[in-house]
Amino acid sequence: NPGRHEPGTGEINYPFLFGEIDRLGFDGFIGCEYKPKGETEAG
């Protein structure tokens, strides 16, 4: 956020958050429901 693009394009500290999710032991999936800024693979 903003833009609803891939991690690393906005204000959310995703590396930190992924580490916290892992530390908490969440064993489900995280769906990548974002709009790629360009071709999906490039992002």
All heavy atoms as atom14 arrays in JSON, in Angstrom:
{
  "sequence": "NPGRHEPGTGEINYPFLFGEIDRLGFDGFIGCEYKPKGETEAG",
  "atom14_mask": [
    [1, 1, 1, 1, 1, 1, 1, 1, 0, 0, 0, 0, 0, 0],
    [1, 1, 1, 1, 1, 1, 1, 0, 0, 0, 0, 0, 0, 0],
    [1, 1, 1, 1, 0, 0, 0, 0, 0, 0, 0, 0, 0, 0],
    [1, 1, 1, 1, 1, 1, 1, 1, 1, 1, 1, 0, 0, 0],
    [1, 1, 1, 1, 1, 1, 1, 1, 1, 1, 0, 0, 0, 0],
    [1, 1, 1, 1, 1, 1, 1, 1, 1, 0, 0, 0, 0, 0],
    [1, 1, 1, 1, 1, 1, 1, 0, 0, 0, 0, 0, 0, 0],
    [1, 1, 1, 1, 0, 0, 0, 0, 0, 0, 0, 0, 0, 0],
    [1, 1, 1, 1, 1, 1, 1, 0, 0, 0, 0, 0, 0, 0],
    [1, 1, 1, 1, 0, 0, 0, 0, 0, 0, 0, 0, 0, 0],
    [1, 1, 1, 1, 1, 1, 1, 1, 1, 0, 0, 0, 0, 0],
    [1, 1, 1, 1, 1, 1, 1, 1, 0, 0, 0, 0, 0, 0],
    [1, 1, 1, 1, 1, 1, 1, 1, 0, 0, 0, 0, 0, 0],
    [1, 1, 1, 1, 1, 1, 1, 1, 1, 1, 1, 1, 0, 0],
    [1, 1, 1, 1, 1, 1, 1, 0, 0, 0, 0, 0, 0, 0],
    [1, 1, 1, 1, 1, 1, 1, 1, 1, 1, 1, 0, 0, 0],
    [1, 1, 1, 1, 1, 1, 1, 1, 0, 0, 0, 0, 0, 0],
    [1, 1, 1, 1, 1, 1, 1, 1, 1, 1, 1, 0, 0, 0],
    [1, 1, 1, 1, 0, 0, 0, 0, 0, 0, 0, 0, 0, 0],
    [1, 1, 1, 1, 1, 1, 1, 1, 1, 0, 0, 0, 0, 0],
    [1, 1, 1, 1, 1, 1, 1, 1, 0, 0, 0, 0, 0, 0],
    [1, 1, 1, 1, 1, 1, 1, 1, 0, 0, 0, 0, 0, 0],
    [1, 1, 1, 1, 1, 1, 1, 1, 1, 1, 1, 0, 0, 0],
    [1, 1, 1, 1, 1, 1, 1, 1, 0, 0, 0, 0, 0, 0],
    [1, 1, 1, 1, 0, 0, 0, 0, 0, 0, 0, 0, 0, 0],
    [1, 1, 1, 1, 1, 1, 1, 1, 1, 1, 1, 0, 0, 0],
    [1, 1, 1, 1, 1, 1, 1, 1, 0, 0, 0, 0, 0, 0],
    [1, 1, 1, 1, 0, 0, 0, 0, 0, 0, 0, 0, 0, 0],
    [1, 1, 1, 1, 1, 1, 1, 1, 1, 1, 1, 0, 0, 0],
    [1, 1, 1, 1, 1, 1, 1, 1, 0, 0, 0, 0, 0, 0],
    [1, 1, 1, 1, 0, 0, 0, 0, 0, 0, 0, 0, 0, 0],
    [1, 1, 1, 1, 1, 1, 0, 0, 0, 0, 0, 0, 0, 0],
    [1, 1, 1, 1, 1, 1, 1, 1, 1, 0, 0, 0, 0, 0],
    [1, 1, 1, 1, 1, 1, 1, 1, 1, 1, 1, 1, 0, 0],
    [1, 1, 1, 1, 1, 1, 1, 1, 1, 0, 0, 0, 0, 0],
    [1, 1, 1, 1, 1, 1, 1, 0, 0, 0, 0, 0, 0, 0],
    [1, 1, 1, 1, 1, 1, 1, 1, 1, 0, 0, 0, 0, 0],
    [1, 1, 1, 1, 0, 0, 0, 0, 0, 0, 0, 0, 0, 0],
    [1, 1, 1, 1, 1, 1, 1, 1, 1, 0, 0, 0, 0, 0],
    [1, 1, 1, 1, 1, 1, 1, 0, 0, 0, 0, 0, 0, 0],
    [1, 1, 1, 1, 1, 1, 1, 1, 1, 0, 0, 0, 0, 0],
    [1, 1, 1, 1, 1, 0, 0, 0, 0, 0, 0, 0, 0, 0],
    [1, 1, 1, 1, 0, 0, 0, 0, 0, 0, 0, 0, 0, 0]
  ],
  "atom14_positions": [
    [[0.85, -1.19, 0.0], [0.0, 0.0, 0.0], [0.89, 1.25, 0.0], [1.88, 1.28, 0.73], [-0.89, 0.0, 1.26], [-1.84, 1.17, 1.29], [-2.66, 1.32, 0.4], [-1.73, 2.01, 2.3], [0.0, 0.0, 0.0], [0.0, 0.0, 0.0], [0.0, 0.0, 0.0], [0.0, 0.0, 0.0], [0.0, 0.0, 0.0], [0.0, 0.0, 0.0]],
    [[0.57, 2.24, -0.84], [-0.57, 2.34, -1.75], [-0.34, 1.62, -3.07], [0.78, 1.22, -3.38], [-0.68, 3.86, -1.98], [0.73, 4.34, -1.88], [1.37, 3.48, -0.8], [0.0, 0.0, 0.0], [0.0, 0.0, 0.0], [0.0, 0.0, 0.0], [0.0, 0.0, 0.0], [0.0, 0.0, 0.0], [0.0, 0.0, 0.0], [0.0, 0.0, 0.0]],
    [[-1.41, 1.46, -3.83], [-1.34, 0.91, -5.17], [-1.74, -0.53, -5.31], [-2.02, -1.01, -6.39], [0.0, 0.0, 0.0], [0.0, 0.0, 0.0], [0.0, 0.0, 0.0], [0.0, 0.0, 0.0], [0.0, 0.0, 0.0], [0.0, 0.0, 0.0], [0.0, 0.0, 0.0], [0.0, 0.0, 0.0], [0.0, 0.0, 0.0], [0.0, 0.0, 0.0]],
    [[-1.71, -1.27, -4.21], [-2.03, -2.71, -4.22], [-1.12, -3.49, -5.16], [-1.53, -4.4, -5.87], [-3.5, -2.95, -4.58], [-3.99, -4.31, -4.13], [-5.48, -4.49, -4.29], [-5.89, -5.76, -3.67], [-7.16, -6.13, -3.51], [-8.15, -5.36, -3.93], [-7.43, -7.29, -2.94], [0.0, 0.0, 0.0], [0.0, 0.0, 0.0], [0.0, 0.0, 0.0]],
    [[0.17, -3.12, -5.12], [1.16, -3.81, -5.95], [1.94, -4.81, -5.1], [1.6, -5.08, -3.95], [2.09, -2.79, -6.6], [1.39, -1.82, -7.47], [0.51, -2.18, -8.47], [1.42, -0.44, -7.51], [0.04, -1.12, -9.08], [0.57, -0.04, -8.51], [0.0, 0.0, 0.0], [0.0, 0.0, 0.0], [0.0, 0.0, 0.0], [0.0, 0.0, 0.0]],
    [[3.03, -5.36, -5.68], [3.8, -6.39, -5.01], [4.54, -5.83, -3.79], [4.77, -4.63, -3.68], [4.8, -7.04, -5.97], [5.64, -6.05, -6.76], [5.05, -5.78, -8.13], [4.01, -5.09, -8.21], [5.64, -6.23, -9.12], [0.0, 0.0, 0.0], [0.0, 0.0, 0.0], [0.0, 0.0, 0.0], [0.0, 0.0, 0.0], [0.0, 0.0, 0.0]],
    [[4.9, -6.72, -2.85], [5.7, -6.29, -1.69], [6.97, -5.56, -2.14], [7.6, -5.91, -3.13], [6.05, -7.61, -1.0], [4.91, -8.51, -1.33], [4.55, -8.15, -2.75], [0.0, 0.0, 0.0], [0.0, 0.0, 0.0], [0.0, 0.0, 0.0], [0.0, 0.0, 0.0], [0.0, 0.0, 0.0], [0.0, 0.0, 0.0], [0.0, 0.0, 0.0]],
    [[7.31, -4.52, -1.38], [8.48, -3.72, -1.7], [8.18, -2.47, -2.49], [9.08, -1.67, -2.75], [0.0, 0.0, 0.0], [0.0, 0.0, 0.0], [0.0, 0.0, 0.0], [0.0, 0.0, 0.0], [0.0, 0.0, 0.0], [0.0, 0.0, 0.0], [0.0, 0.0, 0.0], [0.0, 0.0, 0.0], [0.0, 0.0, 0.0], [0.0, 0.0, 0.0]],
    [[6.92, -2.27, -2.87], [6.54, -1.09, -3.67], [5.85, -0.03, -2.82], [5.5, 1.03, -3.34], [5.61, -1.49, -4.82], [4.43, -2.11, -4.29], [6.31, -2.46, -5.77], [0.0, 0.0, 0.0], [0.0, 0.0, 0.0], [0.0, 0.0, 0.0], [0.0, 0.0, 0.0], [0.0, 0.0, 0.0], [0.0, 0.0, 0.0], [0.0, 0.0, 0.0]],
    [[5.66, -0.29, -1.53], [4.91, 0.65, -0.71], [5.42, 0.71, 0.72], [6.59, 0.45, 0.99], [0.0, 0.0, 0.0], [0.0, 0.0, 0.0], [0.0, 0.0, 0.0], [0.0, 0.0, 0.0], [0.0, 0.0, 0.0], [0.0, 0.0, 0.0], [0.0, 0.0, 0.0], [0.0, 0.0, 0.0], [0.0, 0.0, 0.0], [0.0, 0.0, 0.0]],
    [[4.52, 1.0, 1.64], [4.88, 1.34, 3.0], [5.01, 0.15, 3.95], [5.52, 0.3, 5.07], [3.82, 2.3, 3.56], [2.45, 1.66, 3.75], [1.37, 2.68, 4.12], [1.71, 3.87, 4.28], [0.2, 2.28, 4.24], [0.0, 0.0, 0.0], [0.0, 0.0, 0.0], [0.0, 0.0, 0.0], [0.0, 0.0, 0.0], [0.0, 0.0, 0.0]],
    [[4.54, -1.03, 3.56], [4.52, -2.16, 4.48], [5.89, -2.84, 4.51], [6.45, -3.17, 3.46], [3.43, -3.17, 4.09], [2.05, -2.49, 4.12], [3.44, -4.37, 5.04], [0.91, -3.37, 3.61], [0.0, 0.0, 0.0], [0.0, 0.0, 0.0], [0.0, 0.0, 0.0], [0.0, 0.0, 0.0], [0.0, 0.0, 0.0], [0.0, 0.0, 0.0]],
    [[6.4, -3.06, 5.71], [7.71, -3.71, 5.89], [7.5, -5.23, 5.82], [7.43, -5.91, 6.85], [8.33, -3.29, 7.22], [9.73, -3.84, 7.41], [10.2, -4.67, 6.65], [10.4, -3.37, 8.45], [0.0, 0.0, 0.0], [0.0, 0.0, 0.0], [0.0, 0.0, 0.0], [0.0, 0.0, 0.0], [0.0, 0.0, 0.0], [0.0, 0.0, 0.0]],
    [[7.42, -5.73, 4.61], [7.11, -7.14, 4.45], [8.2, -8.09, 4.94], [7.89, -9.12, 5.54], [6.71, -7.46, 3.01], [5.22, -7.3, 2.8], [4.69, -6.27, 2.04], [4.33, -8.2, 3.38], [3.32, -6.14, 1.87], [2.96, -8.08, 3.21], [2.46, -7.05, 2.45], [1.11, -6.93, 2.3], [0.0, 0.0, 0.0], [0.0, 0.0, 0.0]],
    [[9.48, -7.81, 4.75], [10.48, -8.73, 5.32], [10.31, -8.92, 6.83], [10.4, -10.05, 7.34], [11.81, -8.07, 4.97], [11.52, -7.33, 3.7], [10.13, -6.8, 3.89], [0.0, 0.0, 0.0], [0.0, 0.0, 0.0], [0.0, 0.0, 0.0], [0.0, 0.0, 0.0], [0.0, 0.0, 0.0], [0.0, 0.0, 0.0], [0.0, 0.0, 0.0]],
    [[10.07, -7.84, 7.54], [9.81, -7.94, 8.98], [8.55, -8.76, 9.25], [8.53, -9.65, 10.12], [9.67, -6.56, 9.6], [9.11, -6.58, 11.0], [9.92, -6.9, 12.08], [7.77, -6.32, 11.22], [9.4, -6.94, 13.37], [7.24, -6.36, 12.5], [8.06, -6.67, 13.58], [0.0, 0.0, 0.0], [0.0, 0.0, 0.0], [0.0, 0.0, 0.0]],
    [[7.5, -8.46, 8.5], [6.22, -9.12, 8.74], [6.29, -10.61, 8.44], [5.75, -11.43, 9.2], [5.14, -8.45, 7.89], [3.69, -8.58, 8.39], [3.56, -8.02, 9.8], [2.75, -7.86, 7.44], [0.0, 0.0, 0.0], [0.0, 0.0, 0.0], [0.0, 0.0, 0.0], [0.0, 0.0, 0.0], [0.0, 0.0, 0.0], [0.0, 0.0, 0.0]],
    [[6.97, -10.98, 7.36], [7.14, -12.41, 7.06], [7.89, -13.11, 8.18], [7.58, -14.25, 8.54], [7.87, -12.6, 5.73], [7.11, -12.15, 4.52], [7.79, -11.76, 3.37], [5.73, -12.1, 4.51], [7.1, -11.34, 2.24], [5.02, -11.69, 3.39], [5.71, -11.3, 2.25], [0.0, 0.0, 0.0], [0.0, 0.0, 0.0], [0.0, 0.0, 0.0]],
    [[8.89, -12.43, 8.74], [9.63, -13.01, 9.86], [8.74, -13.22, 11.08], [8.83, -14.25, 11.76], [0.0, 0.0, 0.0], [0.0, 0.0, 0.0], [0.0, 0.0, 0.0], [0.0, 0.0, 0.0], [0.0, 0.0, 0.0], [0.0, 0.0, 0.0], [0.0, 0.0, 0.0], [0.0, 0.0, 0.0], [0.0, 0.0, 0.0], [0.0, 0.0, 0.0]],
    [[7.85, -12.26, 11.34], [6.93, -12.39, 12.46], [5.93, -13.52, 12.23], [5.62, -14.3, 13.15], [6.18, -11.06, 12.68], [7.01, -10.0, 13.34], [7.39, -10.39, 14.75], [6.51, -10.43, 15.63], [8.58, -10.71, 14.97], [0.0, 0.0, 0.0], [0.0, 0.0, 0.0], [0.0, 0.0, 0.0], [0.0, 0.0, 0.0], [0.0, 0.0, 0.0]],
    [[5.41, -13.61, 11.01], [4.46, -14.68, 10.68], [5.11, -16.04, 10.86], [4.51, -16.98, 11.4], [3.92, -14.49, 9.25], [3.02, -13.25, 9.19], [3.17, -15.73, 8.76], [2.66, -12.8, 7.79], [0.0, 0.0, 0.0], [0.0, 0.0, 0.0], [0.0, 0.0, 0.0], [0.0, 0.0, 0.0], [0.0, 0.0, 0.0], [0.0, 0.0, 0.0]],
    [[6.36, -16.14, 10.44], [7.11, -17.39, 10.6], [7.35, -17.68, 12.08], [7.18, -18.82, 12.55], [8.43, -17.29, 9.84], [9.05, -18.64, 9.54], [8.3, -19.62, 9.35], [10.28, -18.71, 9.47], [0.0, 0.0, 0.0], [0.0, 0.0, 0.0], [0.0, 0.0, 0.0], [0.0, 0.0, 0.0], [0.0, 0.0, 0.0], [0.0, 0.0, 0.0]],
    [[7.74, -16.65, 12.83], [8.01, -16.83, 14.25], [6.77, -17.29, 15.01], [6.85, -18.11, 15.94], [8.52, -15.51, 14.85], [8.89, -15.59, 16.33], [9.28, -14.23, 16.88], [8.16, -13.3, 16.87], [7.2, -13.28, 17.8], [7.23, -14.14, 18.82], [6.23, -12.4, 17.74], [0.0, 0.0, 0.0], [0.0, 0.0, 0.0], [0.0, 0.0, 0.0]],
    [[5.62, -16.77, 14.61], [4.36, -17.13, 15.28], [3.9, -18.55, 14.93], [3.04, -19.1, 15.61], [3.27, -16.13, 14.88], [3.42, -14.71, 15.46], [2.49, -13.75, 14.77], [3.18, -14.72, 16.97], [0.0, 0.0, 0.0], [0.0, 0.0, 0.0], [0.0, 0.0, 0.0], [0.0, 0.0, 0.0], [0.0, 0.0, 0.0], [0.0, 0.0, 0.0]],
    [[4.47, -19.12, 13.88], [4.15, -20.49, 13.53], [2.93, -20.64, 12.65], [2.34, -21.74, 12.6], [0.0, 0.0, 0.0], [0.0, 0.0, 0.0], [0.0, 0.0, 0.0], [0.0, 0.0, 0.0], [0.0, 0.0, 0.0], [0.0, 0.0, 0.0], [0.0, 0.0, 0.0], [0.0, 0.0, 0.0], [0.0, 0.0, 0.0], [0.0, 0.0, 0.0]],
    [[2.53, -19.61, 11.93], [1.41, -19.74, 11.0], [1.78, -20.72, 9.9], [2.79, -20.54, 9.22], [1.06, -18.37, 10.4], [-0.05, -18.43, 9.38], [-1.34, -18.71, 9.76], [0.22, -18.22, 8.03], [-2.37, -18.77, 8.83], [-0.8, -18.27, 7.09], [-2.09, -18.55, 7.5], [0.0, 0.0, 0.0], [0.0, 0.0, 0.0], [0.0, 0.0, 0.0]],
    [[0.98, -21.76, 9.73], [1.33, -22.8, 8.76], [0.41, -22.83, 7.55], [0.46, -23.76, 6.75], [1.37, -24.18, 9.43], [0.01, -24.58, 10.01], [-0.94, -23.78, 9.93], [-0.09, -25.71, 10.53], [0.0, 0.0, 0.0], [0.0, 0.0, 0.0], [0.0, 0.0, 0.0], [0.0, 0.0, 0.0], [0.0, 0.0, 0.0], [0.0, 0.0, 0.0]],
    [[-0.43, -21.8, 7.42], [-1.29, -21.71, 6.25], [-0.59, -20.99, 5.1], [0.61, -20.69, 5.16], [0.0, 0.0, 0.0], [0.0, 0.0, 0.0], [0.0, 0.0, 0.0], [0.0, 0.0, 0.0], [0.0, 0.0, 0.0], [0.0, 0.0, 0.0], [0.0, 0.0, 0.0], [0.0, 0.0, 0.0], [0.0, 0.0, 0.0], [0.0, 0.0, 0.0]],
    [[-1.37, -20.69, 4.08], [-0.83, -20.0, 2.91], [-1.12, -18.5, 2.97], [-2.09, -18.06, 3.58], [-1.44, -20.57, 1.62], [-0.84, -21.89, 1.22], [-1.4, -23.08, 1.65], [0.29, -21.93, 0.42], [-0.85, -24.29, 1.29], [0.86, -23.13, 0.06], [0.29, -24.33, 0.49], [0.0, 0.0, 0.0], [0.0, 0.0, 0.0], [0.0, 0.0, 0.0]],
    [[-0.23, -17.75, 2.31], [-0.41, -16.32, 2.12], [-0.65, -16.1, 0.63], [0.24, -16.35, -0.2], [0.82, -15.52, 2.58], [1.16, -15.85, 4.04], [0.57, -14.02, 2.41], [2.45, -15.22, 4.52], [0.0, 0.0, 0.0], [0.0, 0.0, 0.0], [0.0, 0.0, 0.0], [0.0, 0.0, 0.0], [0.0, 0.0, 0.0], [0.0, 0.0, 0.0]],
    [[-1.84, -15.67, 0.27], [-2.19, -15.45, -1.13], [-1.67, -14.12, -1.63], [-1.8, -13.09, -0.95], [0.0, 0.0, 0.0], [0.0, 0.0, 0.0], [0.0, 0.0, 0.0], [0.0, 0.0, 0.0], [0.0, 0.0, 0.0], [0.0, 0.0, 0.0], [0.0, 0.0, 0.0], [0.0, 0.0, 0.0], [0.0, 0.0, 0.0], [0.0, 0.0, 0.0]],
    [[-1.08, -14.14, -2.8], [-0.49, -12.92, -3.39], [-1.56, -12.21, -4.24], [-1.53, -12.27, -5.47], [0.73, -13.29, -4.22], [1.97, -14.19, -3.26], [0.0, 0.0, 0.0], [0.0, 0.0, 0.0], [0.0, 0.0, 0.0], [0.0, 0.0, 0.0], [0.0, 0.0, 0.0], [0.0, 0.0, 0.0], [0.0, 0.0, 0.0], [0.0, 0.0, 0.0]],
    [[-2.45, -11.54, -3.55], [-3.57, -10.88, -4.23], [-3.21, -9.43, -4.53], [-3.78, -8.49, -3.98], [-4.83, -10.96, -3.36], [-6.09, -10.63, -4.15], [-7.34, -10.62, -3.29], [-7.28, -10.17, -2.12], [-8.39, -11.04, -3.78], [0.0, 0.0, 0.0], [0.0, 0.0, 0.0], [0.0, 0.0, 0.0], [0.0, 0.0, 0.0], [0.0, 0.0, 0.0]],
    [[-2.23, -9.27, -5.41], [-1.79, -7.92, -5.76], [-1.78, -7.73, -7.27], [-1.79, -8.69, -8.04], [-0.41, -7.63, -5.17], [0.74, -8.48, -5.69], [1.32, -8.24, -6.93], [1.28, -9.5, -4.92], [2.4, -8.99, -7.4], [2.35, -10.27, -5.37], [2.91, -10.0, -6.61], [3.96, -10.75, -7.06], [0.0, 0.0, 0.0], [0.0, 0.0, 0.0]],
    [[-1.75, -6.46, -7.68], [-1.69, -6.1, -9.09], [-0.24, -5.81, -9.45], [0.31, -4.78, -9.01], [-2.56, -4.86, -9.36], [-4.03, -5.05, -9.05], [-4.83, -3.79, -9.31], [-4.51, -2.71, -8.28], [-5.38, -1.51, -8.44], [0.0, 0.0, 0.0], [0.0, 0.0, 0.0], [0.0, 0.0, 0.0], [0.0, 0.0, 0.0], [0.0, 0.0, 0.0]],
    [[0.41, -6.68, -10.19], [1.82, -6.41, -10.53], [1.97, -5.08, -11.26], [1.12, -4.7, -12.08], [2.18, -7.58, -11.45], [1.21, -8.66, -11.09], [-0.07, -7.95, -10.75], [0.0, 0.0, 0.0], [0.0, 0.0, 0.0], [0.0, 0.0, 0.0], [0.0, 0.0, 0.0], [0.0, 0.0, 0.0], [0.0, 0.0, 0.0], [0.0, 0.0, 0.0]],
    [[3.05, -4.36, -10.94], [3.28, -3.07, -11.59], [3.64, -3.23, -13.06], [3.41, -2.34, -13.87], [4.4, -2.31, -10.87], [4.03, -1.88, -9.46], [5.0, -0.87, -8.9], [4.77, 0.52, -9.49], [5.56, 1.56, -8.78], [0.0, 0.0, 0.0], [0.0, 0.0, 0.0], [0.0, 0.0, 0.0], [0.0, 0.0, 0.0], [0.0, 0.0, 0.0]],
    [[4.21, -4.39, -13.43], [4.54, -4.69, -14.82], [4.24, -6.16, -15.07], [3.27, -6.7, -14.54], [0.0, 0.0, 0.0], [0.0, 0.0, 0.0], [0.0, 0.0, 0.0], [0.0, 0.0, 0.0], [0.0, 0.0, 0.0], [0.0, 0.0, 0.0], [0.0, 0.0, 0.0], [0.0, 0.0, 0.0], [0.0, 0.0, 0.0], [0.0, 0.0, 0.0]],
    [[5.07, -6.81, -15.86], [4.9, -8.24, -16.05], [5.1, -8.95, -14.71], [5.99, -8.59, -13.94], [5.92, -8.76, -17.08], [5.72, -10.24, -17.39], [6.78, -10.78, -18.34], [7.97, -10.44, -18.16], [6.42, -11.53, -19.26], [0.0, 0.0, 0.0], [0.0, 0.0, 0.0], [0.0, 0.0, 0.0], [0.0, 0.0, 0.0], [0.0, 0.0, 0.0]],
    [[4.27, -9.93, -14.44], [4.3, -10.56, -13.12], [5.68, -11.04, -12.74], [6.18, -10.77, -11.63], [3.3, -11.73, -13.08], [1.99, -11.24, -13.36], [3.32, -12.4, -11.71], [0.0, 0.0, 0.0], [0.0, 0.0, 0.0], [0.0, 0.0, 0.0], [0.0, 0.0, 0.0], [0.0, 0.0, 0.0], [0.0, 0.0, 0.0], [0.0, 0.0, 0.0]],
    [[6.35, -11.79, -13.63], [7.65, -12.37, -13.3], [8.7, -11.3, -13.0], [9.59, -11.52, -12.18], [8.14, -13.27, -14.44], [7.4, -14.6, -14.56], [6.16, -14.54, -15.43], [5.72, -13.4, -15.74], [5.63, -15.6, -15.78], [0.0, 0.0, 0.0], [0.0, 0.0, 0.0], [0.0, 0.0, 0.0], [0.0, 0.0, 0.0], [0.0, 0.0, 0.0]],
    [[8.58, -10.14, -13.64], [9.56, -9.07, -13.44], [9.48, -8.48, -12.03], [10.44, -7.86, -11.56], [9.36, -7.97, -14.48], [0.0, 0.0, 0.0], [0.0, 0.0, 0.0], [0.0, 0.0, 0.0], [0.0, 0.0, 0.0], [0.0, 0.0, 0.0], [0.0, 0.0, 0.0], [0.0, 0.0, 0.0], [0.0, 0.0, 0.0], [0.0, 0.0, 0.0]],
    [[8.35, -8.68, -11.36], [8.17, -8.12, -10.02], [8.28, -9.12, -8.91], [7.78, -8.89, -7.81], [0.0, 0.0, 0.0], [0.0, 0.0, 0.0], [0.0, 0.0, 0.0], [0.0, 0.0, 0.0], [0.0, 0.0, 0.0], [0.0, 0.0, 0.0], [0.0, 0.0, 0.0], [0.0, 0.0, 0.0], [0.0, 0.0, 0.0], [0.0, 0.0, 0.0]]
  ]
}
